[in-house]
Amino acid sequence: MSKHLIKILPISFLVGAILGAIFDNVLGGCLFILVWTVFLTLFLKLRGFKFGYMAGLIVIFVLFGVIRYQLSLPNITHESVHYYRSEDYVHVIRGVIAENPDRRRDKVNYIIDVSEIDLDGEGHEVNGRILISSDLYPAYNYGDLVEISGYLIEPAEFETFSYKNYLSLYDVYSVMYRPRIKQISGGNVNVIFATLFAMKDSFESQLNKLYPEPMASFEAGLLTGSRKGIPEDLMLDFNLTGLTHIIAISGYNISLIIVLISSLFKNFSRRAKIPIIIIFIVLFTFFVGASAAVVRASIMGIIAVLALWFGRQSQILNALLLSAFIMTLWKPQTLLYDVGFQLSFLATLGLIVTGNKIQKIFSFMPESFGLQESFAMTFSAQVFALPVILFNFKRLSIISPIANIAVVPFIPIAMFFGFVSAILSFFSFSLGFFFTFPAWLVLKISVVITHVLANIPYASIEIEWFSLVHLVAYYVLFVLFAYFIYPNLHKIFRRDGRLNVNLFPVSNRE
């Protein structure tokens, strides 16, 4: 058991974080139990009780997860801006725009790091982050100190979606809609973040110059996760065909890029290709803005491809669990409320566990441009990610397997040439434009295929009944099949596919 602790302890922490979200006001009790558990575990270690010692470590990590989640929750006192939420009173608040503005087709969202609120005509120092949704113009920028007036309220809770939980990923626990905004000053920026935000905006601007719509917005969605310009009808087609995940930057998308680069350098040894790929991914991460989602996706993507290349399932799985542990330790809400993280983690897990086996199934496909690996990765990722998609979006796309197999292999080509064309256009627009054709072509093909499949009758059905119980049951059954049934199929069936009746002897009766 001791050799498995490197897997068990991160999982214990993740379980603890989930329990911390389920149970309220348990911080004090968990701290008390943790102290005594540490002493007991040390005692068992000194006494040589190996099993008891390891059990103690597991309990410690579970408690650690609970405590970390509880500590991440906001402490709403009179010093917190969230303390003054009210649907009946207009508040005047001052703060700095703390993130790059999220500009959509019809509105813009700003995250404000609040420093002051007016109470009875006087300014009082407070802290906390809020989100405001406003008109596109006049536009404000990262680092602007602004004064806003409006109704400060708690984020909404919908039947199938918790906006409150989603905003907690950004430490936001209050919102204002269409407030009055007045800029006080600008330039209150972190130089590193300002540079990264400027690079992302400049990158998206180049894409808009190089590609017509909706290809420009489609490409921006693939490379930066931005959806602001994607037409509603195209988004609906993505939803109906189960392809929304391709425009959410994820480890899965990054791994597809890595496979494409690998195929372009197929004559190089693996030892030579790895530095090239790492350099490319680092450059990609910085040029598209190095947001938390992109950094997470890059890490997951590299882990996924290492699993396929080296086949050392145990070591790669350890790396995946360690990365999930670190990300959850940094931001506990990521594990529970960040669907992008969940899909990246599960897709990568699918590649680690089943990637090499499934790749053998697709051995008949050509290896050019990484097609064989792309198809295998698509299938592996879908098997593991499907329940989370059903649970969060309550929609089962019947056509999704066909759509993913038909469209996803084109995505790395679009991402690679889209990225290269945008970077080259900074130095020579003509040279950058020369490289747009492969990306434009595969994007156009993807849009056409998606539209055709989305219009097939009953391509997608709503499944409001899919609950947490069904999600857990799916993975339990999968584990049972993978570890107990699949390894023994050769015993149950003969090579000709017929049942091996020798496993079921029947006693002869006179």
Protein backbone atom coordinates (compact mmCIF):
# COMPACT_ATOMS: atom_id res chain seq x y z
CA MET A 1 0.00 0.00 0.00
CA SER A 2 2.86 2.40 0.76
CA LYS A 3 3.91 2.59 -2.89
CA HIS A 4 0.40 3.71 -3.79
CA LEU A 5 0.37 6.59 -1.28
CA ILE A 6 1.59 8.99 -3.95
CA LYS A 7 -1.76 8.40 -5.66
CA ILE A 8 -3.92 7.92 -2.57
CA LEU A 9 -2.88 11.10 -0.73
CA PRO A 10 -3.72 13.58 -3.54
CA ILE A 11 -7.03 11.76 -4.05
CA SER A 12 -7.70 12.01 -0.29
CA PHE A 13 -7.11 15.76 -0.45
CA LEU A 14 -9.48 16.11 -3.43
CA VAL A 15 -12.14 14.10 -1.56
CA GLY A 16 -11.65 16.39 1.44
CA ALA A 17 -12.16 19.48 -0.71
CA ILE A 18 -15.46 18.03 -1.95
CA LEU A 19 -16.56 17.28 1.62
CA GLY A 20 -15.59 20.82 2.59
CA ALA A 21 -18.05 22.12 0.02
CA ILE A 22 -20.83 19.80 1.21
CA PHE A 23 -20.62 20.50 4.96
CA ASP A 24 -20.85 24.02 6.38
CA ASN A 25 -19.15 25.47 9.45
CA VAL A 26 -16.87 22.52 10.17
CA LEU A 27 -13.56 24.42 10.15
CA GLY A 28 -13.09 24.48 13.93
CA GLY A 29 -13.97 20.84 14.40
CA CYS A 30 -11.69 19.73 11.56
CA LEU A 31 -8.75 21.73 12.97
CA PHE A 32 -9.26 20.06 16.36
CA ILE A 33 -9.45 16.57 14.82
CA LEU A 34 -6.44 17.32 12.60
CA VAL A 35 -4.18 18.18 15.54
CA TRP A 36 -5.03 14.96 17.39
CA THR A 37 -4.76 12.90 14.19
CA VAL A 38 -1.24 14.23 13.57
CA PHE A 39 -0.17 13.24 17.09
CA LEU A 40 -1.79 9.81 16.75
CA THR A 41 -0.19 9.22 13.35
CA LEU A 42 3.28 10.12 14.69
CA PHE A 43 2.72 7.76 17.63
CA LEU A 44 1.74 4.91 15.26
CA LYS A 45 4.79 5.62 13.11
CA LEU A 46 7.14 5.45 16.12
CA ARG A 47 5.49 2.25 17.30
CA GLY A 48 5.90 0.64 13.92
CA PHE A 49 2.19 0.28 13.11
CA LYS A 50 2.60 0.71 9.36
CA PHE A 51 -1.06 0.28 8.38
CA GLY A 52 -2.26 2.61 11.13
CA TYR A 53 0.36 5.19 10.13
CA MET A 54 -0.75 5.15 6.48
CA ALA A 55 -4.42 5.32 7.48
CA GLY A 56 -3.56 8.35 9.61
CA LEU A 57 -1.89 10.06 6.64
CA ILE A 58 -5.01 9.50 4.55
CA VAL A 59 -7.23 11.03 7.26
CA ILE A 60 -4.83 13.99 7.57
CA PHE A 61 -5.02 14.72 3.85
CA VAL A 62 -8.82 14.43 3.84
CA LEU A 63 -9.01 16.90 6.76
CA PHE A 64 -6.47 19.13 5.00
CA GLY A 65 -8.76 19.24 1.95
CA VAL A 66 -11.80 20.11 4.06
CA ILE A 67 -9.90 22.87 5.89
CA ARG A 68 -8.42 24.32 2.69
CA TYR A 69 -11.85 24.62 1.10
CA GLN A 70 -13.38 26.16 4.22
CA LEU A 71 -10.55 28.72 4.41
CA SER A 72 -11.20 29.74 0.80
CA LEU A 73 -14.74 30.89 1.59
CA PRO A 74 -15.27 34.65 2.03
CA ASN A 75 -15.36 36.06 5.53
CA ILE A 76 -18.33 38.40 5.21
CA THR A 77 -18.03 41.03 7.93
CA HIS A 78 -18.63 44.79 7.91
CA GLU A 79 -15.18 45.13 6.33
CA SER A 80 -16.34 43.13 3.30
CA VAL A 81 -18.21 44.79 0.44
CA HIS A 82 -20.49 41.72 0.26
CA TYR A 83 -21.87 42.61 3.70
CA TYR A 84 -23.73 45.55 2.13
CA ARG A 85 -25.63 43.66 -0.57
CA SER A 86 -29.17 44.98 -1.00
CA GLU A 87 -31.78 44.99 -3.75
CA ASP A 88 -33.37 48.12 -2.29
CA TYR A 89 -30.46 50.49 -1.90
CA VAL A 90 -28.16 52.11 -4.48
CA HIS A 91 -24.54 51.87 -3.37
CA VAL A 92 -21.64 54.03 -4.51
CA ILE A 93 -18.46 51.94 -4.68
CA ARG A 94 -14.88 52.68 -5.76
CA GLY A 95 -12.33 50.15 -6.92
CA VAL A 96 -9.88 49.09 -9.62
CA ILE A 97 -10.66 46.93 -12.65
CA ALA A 98 -8.66 43.86 -11.63
CA GLU A 99 -8.89 41.64 -14.72
CA ASN A 100 -8.91 42.03 -18.46
CA PRO A 101 -12.48 43.11 -19.41
CA ASP A 102 -14.64 40.29 -20.77
CA ARG A 103 -16.15 41.87 -23.87
CA ARG A 104 -19.15 40.12 -25.45
CA ARG A 105 -21.28 40.94 -28.49
CA ASP A 106 -23.76 43.05 -26.51
CA LYS A 107 -22.11 43.80 -23.16
CA VAL A 108 -18.88 43.82 -21.20
CA ASN A 109 -18.13 42.33 -17.77
CA TYR A 110 -15.64 43.95 -15.40
CA ILE A 111 -14.22 42.43 -12.22
CA ILE A 112 -13.69 45.20 -9.66
CA ASP A 113 -11.29 44.97 -6.72
CA VAL A 114 -13.27 47.16 -4.30
CA SER A 115 -11.49 49.50 -1.89
CA GLU A 116 -14.21 51.89 -0.69
CA ILE A 117 -17.97 52.17 -0.26
CA ASP A 118 -20.04 55.25 0.63
CA LEU A 119 -22.11 54.87 3.79
CA ASP A 120 -24.16 57.82 5.04
CA GLY A 121 -22.25 60.13 2.72
CA GLU A 122 -18.81 59.04 3.92
CA GLY A 123 -16.29 56.67 2.37
CA HIS A 124 -15.45 53.51 4.32
CA GLU A 125 -12.63 51.11 3.49
CA VAL A 126 -13.82 47.64 2.45
CA ASN A 127 -12.43 44.70 0.52
CA GLY A 128 -13.70 42.07 -1.86
CA ARG A 129 -14.31 41.56 -5.56
CA ILE A 130 -17.52 42.21 -7.47
CA LEU A 131 -18.55 41.74 -11.08
CA ILE A 132 -20.35 44.48 -12.98
CA SER A 133 -22.10 43.99 -16.31
CA SER A 134 -22.27 47.13 -18.43
CA ASP A 135 -22.72 48.49 -21.95
CA LEU A 136 -19.88 48.10 -24.42
CA TYR A 137 -19.28 51.85 -24.52
CA PRO A 138 -17.76 53.89 -23.05
CA ALA A 139 -15.01 51.29 -22.65
CA TYR A 140 -12.80 50.96 -19.58
CA ASN A 141 -9.56 49.04 -19.22
CA TYR A 142 -7.61 46.91 -16.80
CA GLY A 143 -6.13 49.09 -14.04
CA ASP A 144 -8.72 51.89 -14.24
CA LEU A 145 -9.88 53.26 -10.88
CA VAL A 146 -13.66 53.69 -11.24
CA GLU A 147 -16.65 54.82 -9.20
CA ILE A 148 -19.78 52.77 -9.75
CA SER A 149 -23.35 53.29 -8.56
CA GLY A 150 -25.98 50.58 -8.55
CA TYR A 151 -27.71 47.75 -6.73
CA LEU A 152 -25.23 45.32 -5.18
CA ILE A 153 -26.78 41.85 -5.12
CA GLU A 154 -25.85 38.19 -4.69
CA PRO A 155 -25.22 36.19 -7.90
CA ALA A 156 -28.23 34.25 -9.12
CA GLU A 157 -28.88 30.54 -8.64
CA PHE A 158 -30.61 28.79 -11.53
CA GLU A 159 -32.16 25.33 -11.61
CA THR A 160 -29.37 23.79 -13.68
CA PHE A 161 -26.58 26.32 -13.15
CA SER A 162 -25.13 28.15 -10.17
CA TYR A 163 -23.79 31.53 -11.25
CA LYS A 164 -22.71 32.06 -7.64
CA ASN A 165 -20.47 28.99 -7.69
CA TYR A 166 -19.07 29.89 -11.09
CA LEU A 167 -18.10 33.42 -9.99
CA SER A 168 -16.46 32.04 -6.86
CA LEU A 169 -13.71 30.79 -9.19
CA TYR A 170 -12.74 34.45 -9.55
CA ASP A 171 -13.28 35.31 -5.85
CA VAL A 172 -16.42 37.22 -6.87
CA TYR A 173 -19.42 36.99 -4.56
CA SER A 174 -21.53 40.04 -5.54
CA VAL A 175 -22.71 41.56 -8.81
CA MET A 176 -24.06 44.82 -10.24
CA TYR A 177 -26.02 45.06 -13.48
CA ARG A 178 -25.91 48.17 -15.68
CA PRO A 179 -24.50 50.51 -12.98
CA ARG A 180 -23.41 54.08 -13.59
CA ILE A 181 -19.63 54.16 -14.08
CA LYS A 182 -17.20 57.07 -13.78
CA GLN A 183 -13.47 56.74 -14.36
CA ILE A 184 -11.35 58.40 -11.66
CA SER A 185 -7.87 57.50 -12.90
CA GLY A 186 -5.95 54.87 -14.87
CA GLY A 187 -2.69 53.02 -14.79
CA ASN A 188 -3.18 51.10 -11.53
CA VAL A 189 -1.74 47.95 -13.06
CA ASN A 190 0.53 45.03 -12.41
CA VAL A 191 3.10 45.31 -15.21
CA ILE A 192 3.26 41.55 -15.82
CA PHE A 193 -0.51 41.12 -16.03
CA ALA A 194 -0.88 44.27 -18.11
CA THR A 195 1.64 42.89 -20.58
CA LEU A 196 -0.11 39.52 -20.79
CA PHE A 197 -3.55 41.13 -21.25
CA ALA A 198 -2.15 43.42 -23.95
CA MET A 199 -0.61 40.43 -25.74
CA LYS A 200 -3.94 38.59 -25.70
CA ASP A 201 -5.85 41.62 -27.02
CA SER A 202 -3.24 42.19 -29.72
CA PHE A 203 -3.31 38.51 -30.65
CA GLU A 204 -7.10 38.50 -31.04
CA SER A 205 -6.90 41.73 -33.02
CA GLN A 206 -4.53 40.09 -35.51
CA LEU A 207 -6.90 37.15 -35.91
CA ASN A 208 -9.74 39.57 -36.71
CA LYS A 209 -7.57 41.17 -39.41
CA LEU A 210 -6.50 37.86 -40.93
CA TYR A 211 -9.77 35.90 -40.94
CA PRO A 212 -13.35 36.74 -41.92
CA GLU A 213 -16.20 36.07 -39.50
CA PRO A 214 -17.21 33.67 -38.12
CA MET A 215 -13.78 32.07 -38.70
CA ALA A 216 -11.97 34.81 -36.74
CA SER A 217 -14.13 34.31 -33.66
CA PHE A 218 -13.98 30.52 -34.07
CA GLU A 219 -10.17 30.66 -34.20
CA ALA A 220 -10.05 33.00 -31.18
CA GLY A 221 -12.25 30.55 -29.29
CA LEU A 222 -9.89 27.68 -30.10
CA LEU A 223 -6.73 29.58 -29.15
CA THR A 224 -7.78 31.83 -26.25
CA GLY A 225 -11.15 30.46 -25.14
CA SER A 226 -12.85 33.73 -26.10
CA ARG A 227 -16.44 33.38 -27.36
CA LYS A 228 -17.38 37.03 -27.69
CA GLY A 229 -17.83 37.11 -31.47
CA ILE A 230 -19.15 33.62 -32.22
CA PRO A 231 -22.63 33.87 -33.79
CA GLU A 232 -25.53 32.45 -31.78
CA ASP A 233 -26.54 30.03 -34.55
CA LEU A 234 -23.02 28.55 -34.65
CA MET A 235 -22.97 28.22 -30.86
CA LEU A 236 -26.33 26.41 -31.06
CA ASP A 237 -24.89 24.01 -33.64
CA PHE A 238 -21.94 23.31 -31.32
CA ASN A 239 -24.33 22.62 -28.44
CA LEU A 240 -26.51 20.26 -30.48
CA THR A 241 -23.54 18.27 -31.77
CA GLY A 242 -21.64 18.11 -28.47
CA LEU A 243 -18.73 20.16 -29.82
CA THR A 244 -18.82 23.10 -27.40
CA HIS A 245 -15.70 21.74 -25.68
CA ILE A 246 -13.51 22.52 -28.71
CA ILE A 247 -13.89 26.28 -28.18
CA ALA A 248 -13.05 26.03 -24.49
CA ILE A 249 -9.27 26.01 -24.24
CA SER A 250 -8.37 22.76 -22.53
CA GLY A 251 -5.63 20.22 -22.03
CA TYR A 252 -7.33 18.13 -24.67
CA ASN A 253 -6.95 20.88 -27.30
CA ILE A 254 -3.33 21.45 -26.31
CA SER A 255 -2.57 17.73 -26.56
CA LEU A 256 -3.94 17.73 -30.12
CA ILE A 257 -1.55 20.55 -31.04
CA ILE A 258 1.32 18.56 -29.56
CA VAL A 259 0.37 15.52 -31.65
CA LEU A 260 0.34 17.68 -34.80
CA ILE A 261 3.76 19.19 -34.02
CA SER A 262 5.07 15.71 -33.32
CA SER A 263 3.90 14.52 -36.73
CA LEU A 264 5.59 17.51 -38.42
CA PHE A 265 8.87 16.52 -36.75
CA LYS A 266 8.34 12.78 -37.15
CA ASN A 267 11.90 12.23 -38.35
CA PHE A 268 13.26 13.60 -35.07
CA SER A 269 13.85 11.38 -32.07
CA ARG A 270 11.53 11.75 -29.09
CA ARG A 271 14.37 13.25 -27.08
CA ALA A 272 14.78 15.97 -29.75
CA LYS A 273 11.04 16.57 -30.19
CA ILE A 274 10.25 17.14 -26.52
CA PRO A 275 12.25 20.43 -26.17
CA ILE A 276 10.73 21.71 -29.45
CA ILE A 277 7.23 20.97 -28.22
CA ILE A 278 7.81 22.47 -24.77
CA ILE A 279 9.20 25.68 -26.33
CA PHE A 280 6.19 25.89 -28.64
CA ILE A 281 3.71 25.37 -25.79
CA VAL A 282 5.44 27.98 -23.61
CA LEU A 283 5.37 30.52 -26.46
CA PHE A 284 1.73 29.64 -27.17
CA THR A 285 0.80 30.10 -23.49
CA PHE A 286 2.33 33.56 -23.27
CA PHE A 287 1.20 34.86 -26.65
CA VAL A 288 -2.46 34.02 -26.01
CA GLY A 289 -2.44 35.71 -22.61
CA ALA A 290 -1.36 33.03 -20.10
CA SER A 291 -4.75 32.99 -18.40
CA ALA A 292 -5.34 30.41 -15.67
CA ALA A 293 -7.32 28.28 -18.14
CA VAL A 294 -4.52 28.34 -20.74
CA VAL A 295 -1.79 27.51 -18.18
CA ARG A 296 -3.88 24.65 -16.80
CA ALA A 297 -4.59 23.41 -20.32
CA SER A 298 -0.92 23.46 -21.23
CA ILE A 299 0.01 21.38 -18.18
CA MET A 300 -2.76 18.86 -18.82
CA GLY A 301 -1.94 18.65 -22.52
CA ILE A 302 1.72 17.88 -21.92
CA ILE A 303 0.82 15.21 -19.37
CA ALA A 304 -1.63 13.61 -21.82
CA VAL A 305 0.84 13.30 -24.64
CA LEU A 306 3.61 12.02 -22.37
CA ALA A 307 1.19 9.25 -21.41
CA LEU A 308 0.70 8.29 -25.06
CA TRP A 309 4.39 8.47 -25.90
CA PHE A 310 5.97 6.71 -22.98
CA GLY A 311 3.12 4.48 -21.85
CA ARG A 312 4.31 4.65 -18.23
CA GLN A 313 0.80 4.78 -16.93
CA SER A 314 1.70 4.82 -13.25
CA GLN A 315 4.17 7.73 -13.41
CA ILE A 316 2.00 9.83 -15.72
CA LEU A 317 -1.05 9.19 -13.54
CA ASN A 318 0.97 10.36 -10.54
CA ALA A 319 1.84 13.57 -12.41
CA LEU A 320 -1.83 14.13 -13.31
CA LEU A 321 -3.00 13.65 -9.71
CA LEU A 322 -0.21 15.90 -8.44
CA SER A 323 -1.22 18.65 -10.87
CA ALA A 324 -4.86 18.34 -9.78
CA PHE A 325 -3.72 18.50 -6.14
CA ILE A 326 -1.70 21.68 -6.74
CA MET A 327 -4.46 23.39 -8.72
CA THR A 328 -7.06 22.55 -6.08
CA LEU A 329 -4.70 23.62 -3.30
CA TRP A 330 -4.27 26.98 -5.05
CA LYS A 331 -7.99 27.44 -5.80
CA PRO A 332 -10.26 24.82 -4.13
CA GLN A 333 -13.33 25.91 -6.12
CA THR A 334 -11.59 24.74 -9.29
CA LEU A 335 -12.31 21.09 -8.52
CA LEU A 336 -16.04 21.54 -8.00
CA TYR A 337 -17.13 24.44 -10.18
CA ASP A 338 -14.68 24.73 -13.06
CA VAL A 339 -16.16 22.52 -15.78
CA GLY A 340 -13.14 23.25 -17.98
CA PHE A 341 -10.83 21.80 -15.35
CA GLN A 342 -13.08 18.78 -14.86
CA LEU A 343 -13.19 18.04 -18.59
CA SER A 344 -9.43 18.58 -18.98
CA PHE A 345 -8.70 16.28 -16.05
CA LEU A 346 -11.06 13.53 -17.16
CA ALA A 347 -10.04 13.71 -20.81
CA THR A 348 -6.39 13.46 -19.79
CA LEU A 349 -7.22 10.59 -17.43
CA GLY A 350 -8.96 8.84 -20.29
CA LEU A 351 -5.88 9.20 -22.47
CA ILE A 352 -3.65 7.82 -19.72
CA VAL A 353 -5.86 4.85 -18.90
CA THR A 354 -7.16 3.86 -22.33
CA GLY A 355 -5.21 5.87 -24.91
CA ASN A 356 -2.71 3.22 -25.99
CA LYS A 357 -5.33 0.46 -26.06
CA ILE A 358 -7.77 2.50 -28.12
CA GLN A 359 -5.02 3.65 -30.49
CA LYS A 360 -4.62 0.02 -31.53
CA ILE A 361 -8.28 0.04 -32.60
CA PHE A 362 -7.56 2.97 -34.94
CA SER A 363 -4.35 1.43 -36.30
CA PHE A 364 -5.97 1.17 -39.74
CA MET A 365 -6.00 4.99 -40.04
CA PRO A 366 -3.13 6.99 -41.59
CA GLU A 367 -0.58 8.51 -39.23
CA SER A 368 -0.14 11.64 -41.36
CA PHE A 369 -0.77 14.92 -39.50
CA GLY A 370 -1.35 12.87 -36.37
CA LEU A 371 -4.77 11.65 -37.59
CA GLN A 372 -4.49 8.23 -35.99
CA GLU A 373 -3.54 9.66 -32.60
CA SER A 374 -6.18 12.40 -32.88
CA PHE A 375 -8.97 9.89 -33.46
CA ALA A 376 -7.76 7.67 -30.62
CA MET A 377 -7.46 10.63 -28.26
CA THR A 378 -10.92 11.91 -29.22
CA PHE A 379 -12.55 8.57 -28.45
CA SER A 380 -10.63 8.09 -25.18
CA ALA A 381 -11.43 11.60 -23.97
CA GLN A 382 -15.12 11.32 -24.81
CA VAL A 383 -15.54 8.07 -22.87
CA PHE A 384 -14.31 9.72 -19.67
CA ALA A 385 -15.75 13.21 -20.11
CA LEU A 386 -19.29 12.29 -21.25
CA PRO A 387 -20.91 12.02 -17.77
CA VAL A 388 -19.63 15.46 -16.72
CA ILE A 389 -20.98 16.95 -19.96
CA LEU A 390 -24.38 15.33 -19.36
CA PHE A 391 -24.46 16.40 -15.71
CA ASN A 392 -23.60 20.04 -16.40
CA PHE A 393 -25.43 20.67 -19.66
CA LYS A 394 -28.38 18.24 -19.29
CA ARG A 395 -28.23 17.43 -22.98
CA LEU A 396 -27.23 14.22 -24.74
CA SER A 397 -26.03 14.72 -28.27
CA ILE A 398 -26.84 11.48 -30.10
CA ILE A 399 -24.74 12.69 -32.99
CA SER A 400 -21.81 13.71 -30.74
CA PRO A 401 -19.58 10.64 -31.32
CA ILE A 402 -19.84 11.06 -35.09
CA ALA A 403 -19.43 14.85 -34.83
CA ASN A 404 -16.33 14.56 -32.67
CA ILE A 405 -14.71 11.95 -34.89
CA ALA A 406 -15.54 14.03 -37.99
CA VAL A 407 -14.53 17.47 -36.68
CA VAL A 408 -11.98 17.15 -33.87
CA PRO A 409 -9.10 15.82 -36.03
CA PHE A 410 -9.25 19.13 -37.94
CA ILE A 411 -8.87 21.21 -34.77
CA PRO A 412 -5.08 20.84 -34.25
CA ILE A 413 -4.51 21.95 -37.85
CA ALA A 414 -6.70 25.02 -37.31
CA MET A 415 -5.01 25.84 -34.01
CA PHE A 416 -1.46 25.35 -35.28
CA PHE A 417 -1.80 27.37 -38.49
CA GLY A 418 -4.00 29.95 -36.78
CA PHE A 419 -1.33 30.52 -34.15
CA VAL A 420 1.53 30.58 -36.68
CA SER A 421 -0.29 32.97 -39.04
CA ALA A 422 -1.11 35.40 -36.21
CA ILE A 423 2.49 35.41 -34.90
CA LEU A 424 4.02 35.87 -38.37
CA SER A 425 1.59 38.69 -39.16
CA PHE A 426 3.20 40.79 -36.43
CA PHE A 427 6.40 40.79 -38.52
CA SER A 428 4.92 40.64 -42.01
CA PHE A 429 1.18 40.74 -42.57
CA SER A 430 1.56 39.24 -46.05
CA LEU A 431 3.57 36.32 -44.70
CA GLY A 432 1.05 35.73 -41.93
CA PHE A 433 -1.83 35.89 -44.41
CA PHE A 434 -0.09 33.26 -46.55
CA PHE A 435 -0.42 30.75 -43.70
CA THR A 436 -4.12 31.44 -43.07
CA PHE A 437 -5.46 29.19 -45.85
CA PRO A 438 -4.98 25.80 -44.11
CA ALA A 439 -6.63 27.14 -40.94
CA TRP A 440 -9.46 28.85 -42.85
CA LEU A 441 -10.13 25.71 -44.89
CA VAL A 442 -10.40 23.30 -41.95
CA LEU A 443 -12.46 25.82 -39.97
CA LYS A 444 -14.85 26.15 -42.91
CA ILE A 445 -15.10 22.37 -43.25
CA SER A 446 -15.72 22.06 -39.49
CA VAL A 447 -18.50 24.68 -39.57
CA VAL A 448 -20.21 23.00 -42.54
CA ILE A 449 -20.01 19.52 -40.98
CA THR A 450 -21.28 20.84 -37.65
CA HIS A 451 -24.22 22.62 -39.30
CA VAL A 452 -25.21 19.56 -41.34
CA LEU A 453 -25.07 17.23 -38.33
CA ALA A 454 -26.91 19.70 -36.07
CA ASN A 455 -29.86 19.73 -38.47
CA ILE A 456 -30.34 15.96 -38.42
CA PRO A 457 -33.64 15.17 -36.62
CA TYR A 458 -33.17 14.11 -32.99
CA ALA A 459 -29.46 14.94 -33.15
CA SER A 460 -29.71 16.04 -29.53
CA ILE A 461 -32.11 15.33 -26.68
CA GLU A 462 -32.55 16.92 -23.26
CA ILE A 463 -31.90 14.68 -20.25
CA GLU A 464 -32.93 16.69 -17.22
CA TRP A 465 -33.02 13.47 -15.17
CA PHE A 466 -29.23 12.90 -15.30
CA SER A 467 -28.11 13.51 -11.72
CA LEU A 468 -25.05 13.16 -9.52
CA VAL A 469 -26.14 9.59 -8.74
CA HIS A 470 -26.03 8.66 -12.43
CA LEU A 471 -22.63 10.33 -12.80
CA VAL A 472 -21.14 8.35 -9.91
CA ALA A 473 -22.77 5.12 -11.13
CA TYR A 474 -21.22 5.59 -14.58
CA TYR A 475 -17.69 5.81 -13.22
CA VAL A 476 -18.22 2.95 -10.75
CA LEU A 477 -19.43 0.68 -13.56
CA PHE A 478 -16.55 1.82 -15.76
CA VAL A 479 -14.01 0.94 -13.07
CA LEU A 480 -15.65 -2.45 -12.55
CA PHE A 481 -15.51 -3.14 -16.27
CA ALA A 482 -11.94 -1.87 -16.74
CA TYR A 483 -10.39 -3.67 -13.80
CA PHE A 484 -12.48 -6.82 -13.38
CA ILE A 485 -14.38 -7.68 -16.56
CA TYR A 486 -12.17 -6.46 -19.45
CA PRO A 487 -8.98 -8.24 -18.26
CA ASN A 488 -10.92 -11.54 -18.14
CA LEU A 489 -12.77 -11.29 -21.45
CA HIS A 490 -10.33 -13.72 -23.04
CA LYS A 491 -11.41 -16.27 -20.44
CA ILE A 492 -15.12 -15.69 -20.98
CA PHE A 493 -15.07 -15.74 -24.79
CA ARG A 494 -13.16 -17.96 -27.20
CA ARG A 495 -11.17 -16.54 -30.10
CA ASP A 496 -14.06 -17.21 -32.48
CA GLY A 497 -16.25 -14.93 -30.31
CA ARG A 498 -18.42 -17.70 -28.85
CA LEU A 499 -18.99 -18.19 -25.14
CA ASN A 500 -16.47 -20.42 -23.40
CA VAL A 501 -18.89 -22.99 -21.94
CA ASN A 502 -16.07 -24.69 -20.03
CA LEU A 503 -16.33 -21.87 -17.49
CA PHE A 504 -19.86 -23.00 -16.65
CA PRO A 505 -19.66 -26.76 -16.02
CA VAL A 506 -22.94 -28.61 -15.72
CA SER A 507 -22.97 -31.71 -13.55
CA ASN A 508 -24.16 -34.84 -15.28
CA ARG A 509 -27.21 -36.38 -13.73
CA GLU A 510 -28.33 -39.92 -14.24
